[in-house]
Amino acid sequence: MVKISIFYPNTGKFDMAYYLNTHMPRSIELLNQGKGYRGVSVERGLGGATPGSAPPFVAMCHYLFDSAEDFMAAFMPHAVELQGDMSNYTDIETVIQVSEVVIVR
């Protein structure tokens, strides 16, 4: 299984309400139809390592798929729509990582 993580560094504007109520429901609607889809989680950054410090990431989104190829097959037909919607909630340049999930409990 792989995890596709989309990190939003705390470096610009981020409309969490739009992201949670508009972008993510549409993203989930489109991608969960793909082969190998296993789930998604979204995290909101609350703080950094030092008490009271700002979080390094304002938000993170993690998709689980059986393989990176399954994710790409699910994402690519909707890439223009989903990436085009980003300007409605952020001006942050995302950091994307594909990871192999080696432990799940």
PDB file of N, CA and C in Angstrom:
ATOM      1  N   MET A   1       0.852  -1.169   0.000  1.00  0.00           N
ATOM      2  CA  MET A   1       0.000   0.000   0.000  1.00  0.00           C
ATOM      3  C   MET A   1       0.899   1.234   0.000  1.00  0.00           C
ATOM      4  N   VAL A   2       0.421   2.317  -0.656  1.00  0.00           N
ATOM      5  CA  VAL A   2       1.166   3.567  -0.677  1.00  0.00           C
ATOM      6  C   VAL A   2       0.318   4.688  -0.100  1.00  0.00           C
ATOM      7  N   LYS A   3       1.023   5.674   0.433  1.00  0.00           N
ATOM      8  CA  LYS A   3       0.385   6.885   0.939  1.00  0.00           C
ATOM      9  C   LYS A   3       0.889   8.044   0.099  1.00  0.00           C
ATOM     10  N   ILE A   4      -0.042   8.790  -0.479  1.00  0.00           N
ATOM     11  CA  ILE A   4       0.286   9.999  -1.209  1.00  0.00           C
ATOM     12  C   ILE A   4      -0.029  11.148  -0.274  1.00  0.00           C
ATOM     13  N   SER A   5       1.008  11.842   0.175  1.00  0.00           N
ATOM     14  CA  SER A   5       0.855  12.924   1.142  1.00  0.00           C
ATOM     15  C   SER A   5       1.032  14.267   0.452  1.00  0.00           C
ATOM     16  N   ILE A   6       0.104  15.166   0.724  1.00  0.00           N
ATOM     17  CA  ILE A   6       0.157  16.521   0.203  1.00  0.00           C
ATOM     18  C   ILE A   6       0.298  17.434   1.411  1.00  0.00           C
ATOM     19  N   PHE A   7       1.452  18.067   1.522  1.00  0.00           N
ATOM     20  CA  PHE A   7       1.755  18.936   2.648  1.00  0.00           C
ATOM     21  C   PHE A   7       1.598  20.393   2.213  1.00  0.00           C
ATOM     22  N   TYR A   8       0.984  21.189   3.065  1.00  0.00           N
ATOM     23  CA  TYR A   8       0.815  22.618   2.836  1.00  0.00           C
ATOM     24  C   TYR A   8       1.655  23.358   3.876  1.00  0.00           C
ATOM     25  N   PRO A   9       2.901  23.749   3.509  1.00  0.00           N
ATOM     26  CA  PRO A   9       3.733  24.485   4.465  1.00  0.00           C
ATOM     27  C   PRO A   9       3.029  25.764   4.919  1.00  0.00           C
ATOM     28  N   ASN A  10       3.287  26.163   6.142  1.00  0.00           N
ATOM     29  CA  ASN A  10       2.651  27.329   6.738  1.00  0.00           C
ATOM     30  C   ASN A  10       3.335  28.599   6.229  1.00  0.00           C
ATOM     31  N   THR A  11       3.170  28.864   4.932  1.00  0.00           N
ATOM     32  CA  THR A  11       3.896  29.960   4.286  1.00  0.00           C
ATOM     33  C   THR A  11       2.992  30.930   3.538  1.00  0.00           C
ATOM     34  N   GLY A  12       1.679  30.761   3.605  1.00  0.00           N
ATOM     35  CA  GLY A  12       0.799  31.647   2.849  1.00  0.00           C
ATOM     36  C   GLY A  12      -0.632  31.520   3.304  1.00  0.00           C
ATOM     37  N   LYS A  13      -1.558  31.950   2.442  1.00  0.00           N
ATOM     38  CA  LYS A  13      -2.980  31.901   2.802  1.00  0.00           C
ATOM     39  C   LYS A  13      -3.514  30.476   2.660  1.00  0.00           C
ATOM     40  N   PHE A  14      -4.442  30.136   3.529  1.00  0.00           N
ATOM     41  CA  PHE A  14      -5.084  28.826   3.454  1.00  0.00           C
ATOM     42  C   PHE A  14      -6.479  28.952   4.045  1.00  0.00           C
ATOM     43  N   ASP A  15      -7.491  28.750   3.212  1.00  0.00           N
ATOM     44  CA  ASP A  15      -8.896  28.829   3.638  1.00  0.00           C
ATOM     45  C   ASP A  15      -9.341  27.423   4.045  1.00  0.00           C
ATOM     46  N   MET A  16      -9.212  27.126   5.335  1.00  0.00           N
ATOM     47  CA  MET A  16      -9.512  25.785   5.832  1.00  0.00           C
ATOM     48  C   MET A  16     -10.982  25.425   5.616  1.00  0.00           C
ATOM     49  N   ALA A  17     -11.889  26.368   5.803  1.00  0.00           N
ATOM     50  CA  ALA A  17     -13.319  26.077   5.624  1.00  0.00           C
ATOM     51  C   ALA A  17     -13.604  25.644   4.186  1.00  0.00           C
ATOM     52  N   TYR A  18     -13.047  26.352   3.215  1.00  0.00           N
ATOM     53  CA  TYR A  18     -13.255  25.975   1.813  1.00  0.00           C
ATOM     54  C   TYR A  18     -12.633  24.608   1.541  1.00  0.00           C
ATOM     55  N   TYR A  19     -11.442  24.406   2.044  1.00  0.00           N
ATOM     56  CA  TYR A  19     -10.736  23.141   1.825  1.00  0.00           C
ATOM     57  C   TYR A  19     -11.542  21.966   2.368  1.00  0.00           C
ATOM     58  N   LEU A  20     -12.037  22.102   3.601  1.00  0.00           N
ATOM     59  CA  LEU A  20     -12.760  21.003   4.244  1.00  0.00           C
ATOM     60  C   LEU A  20     -14.170  20.808   3.702  1.00  0.00           C
ATOM     61  N   ASN A  21     -14.837  21.890   3.336  1.00  0.00           N
ATOM     62  CA  ASN A  21     -16.251  21.818   2.961  1.00  0.00           C
ATOM     63  C   ASN A  21     -16.515  21.756   1.472  1.00  0.00           C
ATOM     64  N   THR A  22     -15.524  22.137   0.658  1.00  0.00           N
ATOM     65  CA  THR A  22     -15.732  22.151  -0.791  1.00  0.00           C
ATOM     66  C   THR A  22     -14.706  21.289  -1.523  1.00  0.00           C
ATOM     67  N   HIS A  23     -13.424  21.624  -1.345  1.00  0.00           N
ATOM     68  CA  HIS A  23     -12.387  20.921  -2.114  1.00  0.00           C
ATOM     69  C   HIS A  23     -12.282  19.439  -1.757  1.00  0.00           C
ATOM     70  N   MET A  24     -12.165  19.140  -0.492  1.00  0.00           N
ATOM     71  CA  MET A  24     -11.978  17.742  -0.101  1.00  0.00           C
ATOM     72  C   MET A  24     -13.193  16.865  -0.400  1.00  0.00           C
ATOM     73  N   PRO A  25     -14.427  17.303  -0.152  1.00  0.00           N
ATOM     74  CA  PRO A  25     -15.557  16.442  -0.539  1.00  0.00           C
ATOM     75  C   PRO A  25     -15.543  16.111  -2.036  1.00  0.00           C
ATOM     76  N   ARG A  26     -15.204  17.102  -2.878  1.00  0.00           N
ATOM     77  CA  ARG A  26     -15.148  16.845  -4.323  1.00  0.00           C
ATOM     78  C   ARG A  26     -13.990  15.908  -4.650  1.00  0.00           C
ATOM     79  N   SER A  27     -12.856  16.134  -4.043  1.00  0.00           N
ATOM     80  CA  SER A  27     -11.695  15.281  -4.270  1.00  0.00           C
ATOM     81  C   SER A  27     -11.993  13.836  -3.875  1.00  0.00           C
ATOM     82  N   ILE A  28     -12.609  13.654  -2.723  1.00  0.00           N
ATOM     83  CA  ILE A  28     -12.956  12.304  -2.260  1.00  0.00           C
ATOM     84  C   ILE A  28     -13.977  11.662  -3.189  1.00  0.00           C
ATOM     85  N   GLU A  29     -14.958  12.439  -3.615  1.00  0.00           N
ATOM     86  CA  GLU A  29     -15.969  11.923  -4.543  1.00  0.00           C
ATOM     87  C   GLU A  29     -15.326  11.381  -5.819  1.00  0.00           C
ATOM     88  N   LEU A  30     -14.347  12.093  -6.337  1.00  0.00           N
ATOM     89  CA  LEU A  30     -13.707  11.681  -7.593  1.00  0.00           C
ATOM     90  C   LEU A  30     -12.711  10.547  -7.392  1.00  0.00           C
ATOM     91  N   LEU A  31     -11.847  10.651  -6.393  1.00  0.00           N
ATOM     92  CA  LEU A  31     -10.761   9.675  -6.256  1.00  0.00           C
ATOM     93  C   LEU A  31     -11.198   8.357  -5.644  1.00  0.00           C
ATOM     94  N   ASN A  32     -12.246   8.358  -4.824  1.00  0.00           N
ATOM     95  CA  ASN A  32     -12.630   7.087  -4.206  1.00  0.00           C
ATOM     96  C   ASN A  32     -13.274   6.124  -5.190  1.00  0.00           C
ATOM     97  N   GLN A  33     -13.524   6.582  -6.386  1.00  0.00           N
ATOM     98  CA  GLN A  33     -14.033   5.702  -7.438  1.00  0.00           C
ATOM     99  C   GLN A  33     -12.911   4.911  -8.103  1.00  0.00           C
ATOM    100  N   GLY A  34     -11.672   5.309  -7.830  1.00  0.00           N
ATOM    101  CA  GLY A  34     -10.527   4.674  -8.469  1.00  0.00           C
ATOM    102  C   GLY A  34     -10.208   3.309  -7.899  1.00  0.00           C
ATOM    103  N   LYS A  35      -9.648   2.486  -8.756  1.00  0.00           N
ATOM    104  CA  LYS A  35      -9.179   1.161  -8.343  1.00  0.00           C
ATOM    105  C   LYS A  35      -8.093   1.331  -7.281  1.00  0.00           C
ATOM    106  N   GLY A  36      -8.153   0.536  -6.250  1.00  0.00           N
ATOM    107  CA  GLY A  36      -7.121   0.535  -5.228  1.00  0.00           C
ATOM    108  C   GLY A  36      -7.253   1.607  -4.172  1.00  0.00           C
ATOM    109  N   TYR A  37      -8.309   2.416  -4.214  1.00  0.00           N
ATOM    110  CA  TYR A  37      -8.517   3.451  -3.194  1.00  0.00           C
ATOM    111  C   TYR A  37      -8.778   2.803  -1.847  1.00  0.00           C
ATOM    112  N   ARG A  38      -8.084   3.247  -0.805  1.00  0.00           N
ATOM    113  CA  ARG A  38      -8.235   2.675   0.540  1.00  0.00           C
ATOM    114  C   ARG A  38      -8.701   3.686   1.576  1.00  0.00           C
ATOM    115  N   GLY A  39      -8.563   4.970   1.284  1.00  0.00           N
ATOM    116  CA  GLY A  39      -9.025   5.962   2.234  1.00  0.00           C
ATOM    117  C   GLY A  39      -8.238   7.253   2.148  1.00  0.00           C
ATOM    118  N   VAL A  40      -8.662   8.215   2.974  1.00  0.00           N
ATOM    119  CA  VAL A  40      -8.017   9.524   3.008  1.00  0.00           C
ATOM    120  C   VAL A  40      -8.118  10.075   4.420  1.00  0.00           C
ATOM    121  N   SER A  41      -7.142  10.858   4.811  1.00  0.00           N
ATOM    122  CA  SER A  41      -7.223  11.607   6.063  1.00  0.00           C
ATOM    123  C   SER A  41      -6.703  13.009   5.804  1.00  0.00           C
ATOM    124  N   VAL A  42      -7.233  13.945   6.576  1.00  0.00           N
ATOM    125  CA  VAL A  42      -6.798  15.336   6.504  1.00  0.00           C
ATOM    126  C   VAL A  42      -6.430  15.763   7.907  1.00  0.00           C
ATOM    127  N   GLU A  43      -5.321  16.475   8.009  1.00  0.00           N
ATOM    128  CA  GLU A  43      -4.857  16.965   9.300  1.00  0.00           C
ATOM    129  C   GLU A  43      -4.693  18.480   9.242  1.00  0.00           C
ATOM    130  N   ARG A  44      -5.051  19.149  10.345  1.00  0.00           N
ATOM    131  CA  ARG A  44      -4.868  20.587  10.490  1.00  0.00           C
ATOM    132  C   ARG A  44      -3.731  20.802  11.475  1.00  0.00           C
ATOM    133  N   GLY A  45      -2.715  21.565  11.074  1.00  0.00           N
ATOM    134  CA  GLY A  45      -1.592  21.845  11.956  1.00  0.00           C
ATOM    135  C   GLY A  45      -2.013  22.715  13.120  1.00  0.00           C
ATOM    136  N   LEU A  46      -1.593  22.333  14.330  1.00  0.00           N
ATOM    137  CA  LEU A  46      -1.937  23.093  15.532  1.00  0.00           C
ATOM    138  C   LEU A  46      -0.744  23.800  16.160  1.00  0.00           C
ATOM    139  N   GLY A  47       0.436  23.222  16.043  1.00  0.00           N
ATOM    140  CA  GLY A  47       1.608  23.824  16.657  1.00  0.00           C
ATOM    141  C   GLY A  47       2.870  23.109  16.259  1.00  0.00           C
ATOM    142  N   GLY A  48       3.981  23.724  16.591  1.00  0.00           N
ATOM    143  CA  GLY A  48       5.281  23.136  16.295  1.00  0.00           C
ATOM    144  C   GLY A  48       5.872  22.439  17.502  1.00  0.00           C
ATOM    145  N   ALA A  49       7.153  22.145  17.422  1.00  0.00           N
ATOM    146  CA  ALA A  49       7.839  21.395  18.482  1.00  0.00           C
ATOM    147  C   ALA A  49       7.936  22.186  19.783  1.00  0.00           C
ATOM    148  N   THR A  50       8.044  23.490  19.689  1.00  0.00           N
ATOM    149  CA  THR A  50       8.126  24.331  20.872  1.00  0.00           C
ATOM    150  C   THR A  50       6.731  24.787  21.258  1.00  0.00           C
ATOM    151  N   PRO A  51       6.347  24.650  22.521  1.00  0.00           N
ATOM    152  CA  PRO A  51       5.010  25.080  22.932  1.00  0.00           C
ATOM    153  C   PRO A  51       4.725  26.520  22.507  1.00  0.00           C
ATOM    154  N   GLY A  52       3.566  26.712  21.892  1.00  0.00           N
ATOM    155  CA  GLY A  52       3.159  28.034  21.437  1.00  0.00           C
ATOM    156  C   GLY A  52       3.675  28.432  20.076  1.00  0.00           C
ATOM    157  N   SER A  53       4.512  27.595  19.463  1.00  0.00           N
ATOM    158  CA  SER A  53       5.038  27.942  18.142  1.00  0.00           C
ATOM    159  C   SER A  53       4.048  27.545  17.052  1.00  0.00           C
ATOM    160  N   ALA A  54       4.189  28.179  15.916  1.00  0.00           N
ATOM    161  CA  ALA A  54       3.318  27.900  14.782  1.00  0.00           C
ATOM    162  C   ALA A  54       3.640  26.524  14.197  1.00  0.00           C
ATOM    163  N   PRO A  55       2.640  25.853  13.614  1.00  0.00           N
ATOM    164  CA  PRO A  55       2.901  24.557  12.990  1.00  0.00           C
ATOM    165  C   PRO A  55       3.699  24.743  11.699  1.00  0.00           C
ATOM    166  N   PRO A  56       4.603  23.823  11.383  1.00  0.00           N
ATOM    167  CA  PRO A  56       5.334  23.929  10.117  1.00  0.00           C
ATOM    168  C   PRO A  56       4.426  23.733   8.903  1.00  0.00           C
ATOM    169  N   PHE A  57       3.325  22.992   9.094  1.00  0.00           N
ATOM    170  CA  PHE A  57       2.369  22.761   8.012  1.00  0.00           C
ATOM    171  C   PHE A  57       0.990  23.173   8.487  1.00  0.00           C
ATOM    172  N   VAL A  58       0.299  23.964   7.684  1.00  0.00           N
ATOM    173  CA  VAL A  58      -1.054  24.383   8.036  1.00  0.00           C
ATOM    174  C   VAL A  58      -2.042  23.230   7.848  1.00  0.00           C
ATOM    175  N   ALA A  59      -1.748  22.360   6.885  1.00  0.00           N
ATOM    176  CA  ALA A  59      -2.607  21.203   6.631  1.00  0.00           C
ATOM    177  C   ALA A  59      -1.808  20.120   5.932  1.00  0.00           C
ATOM    178  N   MET A  60      -2.321  18.890   6.058  1.00  0.00           N
ATOM    179  CA  MET A  60      -1.767  17.735   5.355  1.00  0.00           C
ATOM    180  C   MET A  60      -2.923  16.856   4.916  1.00  0.00           C
ATOM    181  N   CYS A  61      -2.799  16.292   3.741  1.00  0.00           N
ATOM    182  CA  CYS A  61      -3.794  15.356   3.224  1.00  0.00           C
ATOM    183  C   CYS A  61      -3.053  14.083   2.844  1.00  0.00           C
ATOM    184  N   HIS A  62      -3.619  12.940   3.223  1.00  0.00           N
ATOM    185  CA  HIS A  62      -2.964  11.654   2.962  1.00  0.00           C
ATOM    186  C   HIS A  62      -3.967  10.698   2.306  1.00  0.00           C
ATOM    187  N   TYR A  63      -3.702  10.322   1.078  1.00  0.00           N
ATOM    188  CA  TYR A  63      -4.507   9.322   0.383  1.00  0.00           C
ATOM    189  C   TYR A  63      -3.822   7.974   0.470  1.00  0.00           C
ATOM    190  N   LEU A  64      -4.598   6.929   0.685  1.00  0.00           N
ATOM    191  CA  LEU A  64      -4.074   5.567   0.666  1.00  0.00           C
ATOM    192  C   LEU A  64      -4.606   4.838  -0.560  1.00  0.00           C
ATOM    193  N   PHE A  65      -3.699   4.245  -1.312  1.00  0.00           N
ATOM    194  CA  PHE A  65      -4.034   3.443  -2.491  1.00  0.00           C
ATOM    195  C   PHE A  65      -3.191   2.179  -2.471  1.00  0.00           C
ATOM    196  N   ASP A  66      -3.634   1.178  -3.195  1.00  0.00           N
ATOM    197  CA  ASP A  66      -2.859  -0.059  -3.296  1.00  0.00           C
ATOM    198  C   ASP A  66      -1.500   0.186  -3.934  1.00  0.00           C
ATOM    199  N   SER A  67      -1.445   1.121  -4.896  1.00  0.00           N
ATOM    200  CA  SER A  67      -0.182   1.405  -5.585  1.00  0.00           C
ATOM    201  C   SER A  67      -0.183   2.845  -6.081  1.00  0.00           C
ATOM    202  N   ALA A  68       1.008   3.343  -6.361  1.00  0.00           N
ATOM    203  CA  ALA A  68       1.129   4.690  -6.932  1.00  0.00           C
ATOM    204  C   ALA A  68       0.458   4.746  -8.295  1.00  0.00           C
ATOM    205  N   GLU A  69       0.517   3.646  -9.025  1.00  0.00           N
ATOM    206  CA  GLU A  69      -0.135   3.597 -10.345  1.00  0.00           C
ATOM    207  C   GLU A  69      -1.650   3.714 -10.212  1.00  0.00           C
ATOM    208  N   ASP A  70      -2.218   3.081  -9.184  1.00  0.00           N
ATOM    209  CA  ASP A  70      -3.660   3.214  -8.945  1.00  0.00           C
ATOM    210  C   ASP A  70      -4.024   4.658  -8.622  1.00  0.00           C
ATOM    211  N   PHE A  71      -3.203   5.317  -7.810  1.00  0.00           N
ATOM    212  CA  PHE A  71      -3.468   6.719  -7.504  1.00  0.00           C
ATOM    213  C   PHE A  71      -3.431   7.562  -8.767  1.00  0.00           C
ATOM    214  N   MET A  72      -2.402   7.400  -9.565  1.00  0.00           N
ATOM    215  CA  MET A  72      -2.276   8.207 -10.779  1.00  0.00           C
ATOM    216  C   MET A  72      -3.439   7.951 -11.736  1.00  0.00           C
ATOM    217  N   ALA A  73      -3.867   6.710 -11.847  1.00  0.00           N
ATOM    218  CA  ALA A  73      -5.004   6.386 -12.718  1.00  0.00           C
ATOM    219  C   ALA A  73      -6.289   7.040 -12.215  1.00  0.00           C
ATOM    220  N   ALA A  74      -6.437   7.144 -10.898  1.00  0.00           N
ATOM    221  CA  ALA A  74      -7.622   7.790 -10.323  1.00  0.00           C
ATOM    222  C   ALA A  74      -7.525   9.308 -10.423  1.00  0.00           C
ATOM    223  N   PHE A  75      -6.324   9.858 -10.246  1.00  0.00           N
ATOM    224  CA  PHE A  75      -6.136  11.302 -10.189  1.00  0.00           C
ATOM    225  C   PHE A  75      -6.097  11.974 -11.554  1.00  0.00           C
ATOM    226  N   MET A  76      -5.392  11.413 -12.503  1.00  0.00           N
ATOM    227  CA  MET A  76      -5.122  12.104 -13.765  1.00  0.00           C
ATOM    228  C   MET A  76      -6.384  12.551 -14.518  1.00  0.00           C
ATOM    229  N   PRO A  77      -7.452  11.764 -14.576  1.00  0.00           N
ATOM    230  CA  PRO A  77      -8.633  12.256 -15.284  1.00  0.00           C
ATOM    231  C   PRO A  77      -9.265  13.493 -14.640  1.00  0.00           C
ATOM    232  N   HIS A  78      -8.917  13.784 -13.395  1.00  0.00           N
ATOM    233  CA  HIS A  78      -9.508  14.896 -12.650  1.00  0.00           C
ATOM    234  C   HIS A  78      -8.473  15.947 -12.257  1.00  0.00           C
ATOM    235  N   ALA A  79      -7.243  15.798 -12.740  1.00  0.00           N
ATOM    236  CA  ALA A  79      -6.146  16.681 -12.328  1.00  0.00           C
ATOM    237  C   ALA A  79      -6.434  18.141 -12.623  1.00  0.00           C
ATOM    238  N   VAL A  80      -6.955  18.445 -13.788  1.00  0.00           N
ATOM    239  CA  VAL A  80      -7.213  19.840 -14.153  1.00  0.00           C
ATOM    240  C   VAL A  80      -8.225  20.459 -13.196  1.00  0.00           C
ATOM    241  N   GLU A  81      -9.305  19.739 -12.903  1.00  0.00           N
ATOM    242  CA  GLU A  81     -10.323  20.252 -11.988  1.00  0.00           C
ATOM    243  C   GLU A  81      -9.762  20.447 -10.580  1.00  0.00           C
ATOM    244  N   LEU A  82      -9.102  19.424 -10.045  1.00  0.00           N
ATOM    245  CA  LEU A  82      -8.638  19.492  -8.661  1.00  0.00           C
ATOM    246  C   LEU A  82      -7.506  20.501  -8.483  1.00  0.00           C
ATOM    247  N   GLN A  83      -6.544  20.507  -9.387  1.00  0.00           N
ATOM    248  CA  GLN A  83      -5.455  21.466  -9.281  1.00  0.00           C
ATOM    249  C   GLN A  83      -5.946  22.880  -9.576  1.00  0.00           C
ATOM    250  N   GLY A  84      -6.912  23.005 -10.468  1.00  0.00           N
ATOM    251  CA  GLY A  84      -7.472  24.315 -10.773  1.00  0.00           C
ATOM    252  C   GLY A  84      -8.228  24.918  -9.612  1.00  0.00           C
ATOM    253  N   ASP A  85      -8.744  24.092  -8.735  1.00  0.00           N
ATOM    254  CA  ASP A  85      -9.500  24.567  -7.582  1.00  0.00           C
ATOM    255  C   ASP A  85      -8.595  25.084  -6.468  1.00  0.00           C
ATOM    256  N   MET A  86      -7.329  24.760  -6.511  1.00  0.00           N
ATOM    257  CA  MET A  86      -6.429  25.118  -5.419  1.00  0.00           C
ATOM    258  C   MET A  86      -6.368  26.619  -5.170  1.00  0.00           C
ATOM    259  N   SER A  87      -6.459  27.419  -6.215  1.00  0.00           N
ATOM    260  CA  SER A  87      -6.378  28.873  -6.029  1.00  0.00           C
ATOM    261  C   SER A  87      -7.562  29.406  -5.227  1.00  0.00           C
ATOM    262  N   ASN A  88      -8.611  28.611  -5.087  1.00  0.00           N
ATOM    263  CA  ASN A  88      -9.763  29.028  -4.286  1.00  0.00           C
ATOM    264  C   ASN A  88      -9.504  28.911  -2.785  1.00  0.00           C
ATOM    265  N   TYR A  89      -8.473  28.158  -2.398  1.00  0.00           N
ATOM    266  CA  TYR A  89      -8.223  28.016  -0.968  1.00  0.00           C
ATOM    267  C   TYR A  89      -6.783  28.271  -0.539  1.00  0.00           C
ATOM    268  N   THR A  90      -5.845  28.331  -1.470  1.00  0.00           N
ATOM    269  CA  THR A  90      -4.458  28.544  -1.038  1.00  0.00           C
ATOM    270  C   THR A  90      -3.597  29.157  -2.131  1.00  0.00           C
ATOM    271  N   ASP A  91      -2.536  29.806  -1.691  1.00  0.00           N
ATOM    272  CA  ASP A  91      -1.479  30.261  -2.600  1.00  0.00           C
ATOM    273  C   ASP A  91      -0.152  29.571  -2.247  1.00  0.00           C
ATOM    274  N   ILE A  92      -0.244  28.545  -1.424  1.00  0.00           N
ATOM    275  CA  ILE A  92       0.927  27.811  -0.941  1.00  0.00           C
ATOM    276  C   ILE A  92       1.376  26.789  -1.983  1.00  0.00           C
ATOM    277  N   GLU A  93       2.681  26.701  -2.184  1.00  0.00           N
ATOM    278  CA  GLU A  93       3.242  25.649  -3.036  1.00  0.00           C
ATOM    279  C   GLU A  93       3.331  24.369  -2.204  1.00  0.00           C
ATOM    280  N   THR A  94       2.636  23.340  -2.661  1.00  0.00           N
ATOM    281  CA  THR A  94       2.571  22.094  -1.901  1.00  0.00           C
ATOM    282  C   THR A  94       3.862  21.294  -2.003  1.00  0.00           C
ATOM    283  N   VAL A  95       4.031  20.414  -1.025  1.00  0.00           N
ATOM    284  CA  VAL A  95       5.090  19.418  -1.034  1.00  0.00           C
ATOM    285  C   VAL A  95       4.379  18.074  -1.093  1.00  0.00           C
ATOM    286  N   ILE A  96       4.742  17.250  -2.062  1.00  0.00           N
ATOM    287  CA  ILE A  96       4.080  15.967  -2.249  1.00  0.00           C
ATOM    288  C   ILE A  96       5.097  14.851  -2.062  1.00  0.00           C
ATOM    289  N   GLN A  97       4.663  13.838  -1.325  1.00  0.00           N
ATOM    290  CA  GLN A  97       5.513  12.673  -1.103  1.00  0.00           C
ATOM    291  C   GLN A  97       4.698  11.410  -1.302  1.00  0.00           C
ATOM    292  N   VAL A  98       5.295  10.433  -1.981  1.00  0.00           N
ATOM    293  CA  VAL A  98       4.706   9.101  -2.116  1.00  0.00           C
ATOM    294  C   VAL A  98       5.537   8.183  -1.225  1.00  0.00           C
ATOM    295  N   SER A  99       4.846   7.478  -0.326  1.00  0.00           N
ATOM    296  CA  SER A  99       5.523   6.610   0.635  1.00  0.00           C
ATOM    297  C   SER A  99       4.950   5.205   0.585  1.00  0.00           C
ATOM    298  N   GLU A 100       5.783   4.246   0.875  1.00  0.00           N
ATOM    299  CA  GLU A 100       5.299   2.884   1.085  1.00  0.00           C
ATOM    300  C   GLU A 100       4.875   2.775   2.541  1.00  0.00           C
ATOM    301  N   VAL A 101       3.664   2.280   2.759  1.00  0.00           N
ATOM    302  CA  VAL A 101       3.175   2.064   4.120  1.00  0.00           C
ATOM    303  C   VAL A 101       3.690   0.704   4.562  1.00  0.00           C
ATOM    304  N   VAL A 102       4.499   0.699   5.614  1.00  0.00           N
ATOM    305  CA  VAL A 102       5.117  -0.548   6.049  1.00  0.00           C
ATOM    306  C   VAL A 102       4.548  -1.086   7.367  1.00  0.00           C
ATOM    307  N   ILE A 103       3.890  -0.233   8.141  1.00  0.00           N
ATOM    308  CA  ILE A 103       3.216  -0.679   9.357  1.00  0.00           C
ATOM    309  C   ILE A 103       1.854   0.004   9.439  1.00  0.00           C
ATOM    310  N   VAL A 104       0.815  -0.792   9.672  1.00  0.00           N
ATOM    311  CA  VAL A 104      -0.526  -0.272   9.935  1.00  0.00           C
ATOM    312  C   VAL A 104      -1.081  -1.086  11.090  1.00  0.00           C
ATOM    313  N   ARG A 105      -1.640  -0.435  12.068  1.00  0.00           N
ATOM    314  CA  ARG A 105      -2.215  -1.154  13.210  1.00  0.00           C
ATOM    315  C   ARG A 105      -3.621  -0.690  13.430  1.00  0.00           C
TER     316      ARG A 105
END
